[in-house]
Amino acid sequence: LKNDEEDWLQEAMASLVYLSHSSPEDM
C-alpha cells in the first residue's frame, strides 16, 4: 500500500505542479 500511496502522491504533486506552471492565472 505504501508504494501505491507514494505513486499517487507523486502523480498528484506532478499534476498540481504542471497545472500551476501551465496556467497559474487560472489557479
N, C-alpha and C. Protein backbone atom coordinates (compact mmCIF):
# COMPACT_ATOMS: atom_id res chain seq x y z
N LEU A 1 0.84 -1.20 0.00
CA LEU A 1 0.00 0.00 0.00
C LEU A 1 0.88 1.26 0.00
N LYS A 2 2.00 1.20 0.69
CA LYS A 2 2.87 2.38 0.74
C LYS A 2 3.33 2.77 -0.66
N ASN A 3 3.69 1.77 -1.46
CA ASN A 3 4.14 2.06 -2.82
C ASN A 3 3.03 2.75 -3.60
N ASP A 4 1.80 2.22 -3.49
CA ASP A 4 0.68 2.82 -4.21
C ASP A 4 0.46 4.25 -3.73
N GLU A 5 0.54 4.46 -2.43
CA GLU A 5 0.32 5.80 -1.89
C GLU A 5 1.40 6.76 -2.41
N GLU A 6 2.64 6.29 -2.45
CA GLU A 6 3.72 7.15 -2.94
C GLU A 6 3.50 7.49 -4.40
N ASP A 7 3.09 6.49 -5.19
CA ASP A 7 2.85 6.75 -6.62
C ASP A 7 1.74 7.78 -6.77
N TRP A 8 0.67 7.61 -5.98
CA TRP A 8 -0.45 8.56 -6.07
C TRP A 8 0.00 9.96 -5.65
N LEU A 9 0.80 10.02 -4.59
CA LEU A 9 1.26 11.32 -4.10
C LEU A 9 2.12 12.00 -5.15
N GLN A 10 3.07 11.25 -5.71
CA GLN A 10 3.95 11.85 -6.73
C GLN A 10 3.14 12.27 -7.94
N GLU A 11 2.17 11.45 -8.33
CA GLU A 11 1.35 11.78 -9.50
C GLU A 11 0.52 13.03 -9.22
N ALA A 12 -0.05 13.10 -8.03
CA ALA A 12 -0.88 14.26 -7.68
C ALA A 12 -0.02 15.52 -7.63
N MET A 13 1.14 15.44 -7.01
CA MET A 13 2.01 16.61 -6.92
C MET A 13 2.47 17.03 -8.31
N ALA A 14 2.80 16.06 -9.15
CA ALA A 14 3.24 16.37 -10.52
C ALA A 14 2.12 17.08 -11.26
N SER A 15 0.89 16.61 -11.07
CA SER A 15 -0.26 17.24 -11.75
C SER A 15 -0.44 18.67 -11.25
N LEU A 16 -0.34 18.86 -9.94
CA LEU A 16 -0.52 20.21 -9.38
C LEU A 16 0.57 21.15 -9.91
N VAL A 17 1.80 20.67 -9.92
CA VAL A 17 2.91 21.49 -10.40
C VAL A 17 2.71 21.81 -11.88
N TYR A 18 2.30 20.80 -12.66
CA TYR A 18 2.09 21.02 -14.10
C TYR A 18 0.99 22.05 -14.32
N LEU A 19 -0.10 21.91 -13.59
CA LEU A 19 -1.22 22.85 -13.76
C LEU A 19 -0.81 24.25 -13.31
N SER A 20 -0.13 24.34 -12.19
CA SER A 20 0.25 25.65 -11.66
C SER A 20 1.24 26.33 -12.61
N HIS A 21 2.08 25.56 -13.29
CA HIS A 21 3.06 26.15 -14.19
C HIS A 21 2.45 26.44 -15.56
N SER A 22 1.49 25.61 -15.96
CA SER A 22 0.92 25.79 -17.31
C SER A 22 -0.10 26.94 -17.31
N SER A 23 -0.85 27.11 -16.22
CA SER A 23 -1.84 28.20 -16.17
C SER A 23 -2.00 28.72 -14.75
N PRO A 24 -1.00 29.47 -14.27
CA PRO A 24 -1.04 30.00 -12.89
C PRO A 24 -2.15 31.02 -12.71
N GLU A 25 -2.49 31.75 -13.77
CA GLU A 25 -3.55 32.76 -13.65
C GLU A 25 -4.89 32.10 -13.39
N ASP A 26 -5.10 30.92 -13.98
CA ASP A 26 -6.38 30.23 -13.77
C ASP A 26 -6.48 29.75 -12.32
N MET A 27 -5.34 29.37 -11.73
CA MET A 27 -5.36 28.90 -10.36
C MET A 27 -5.57 30.11 -9.45
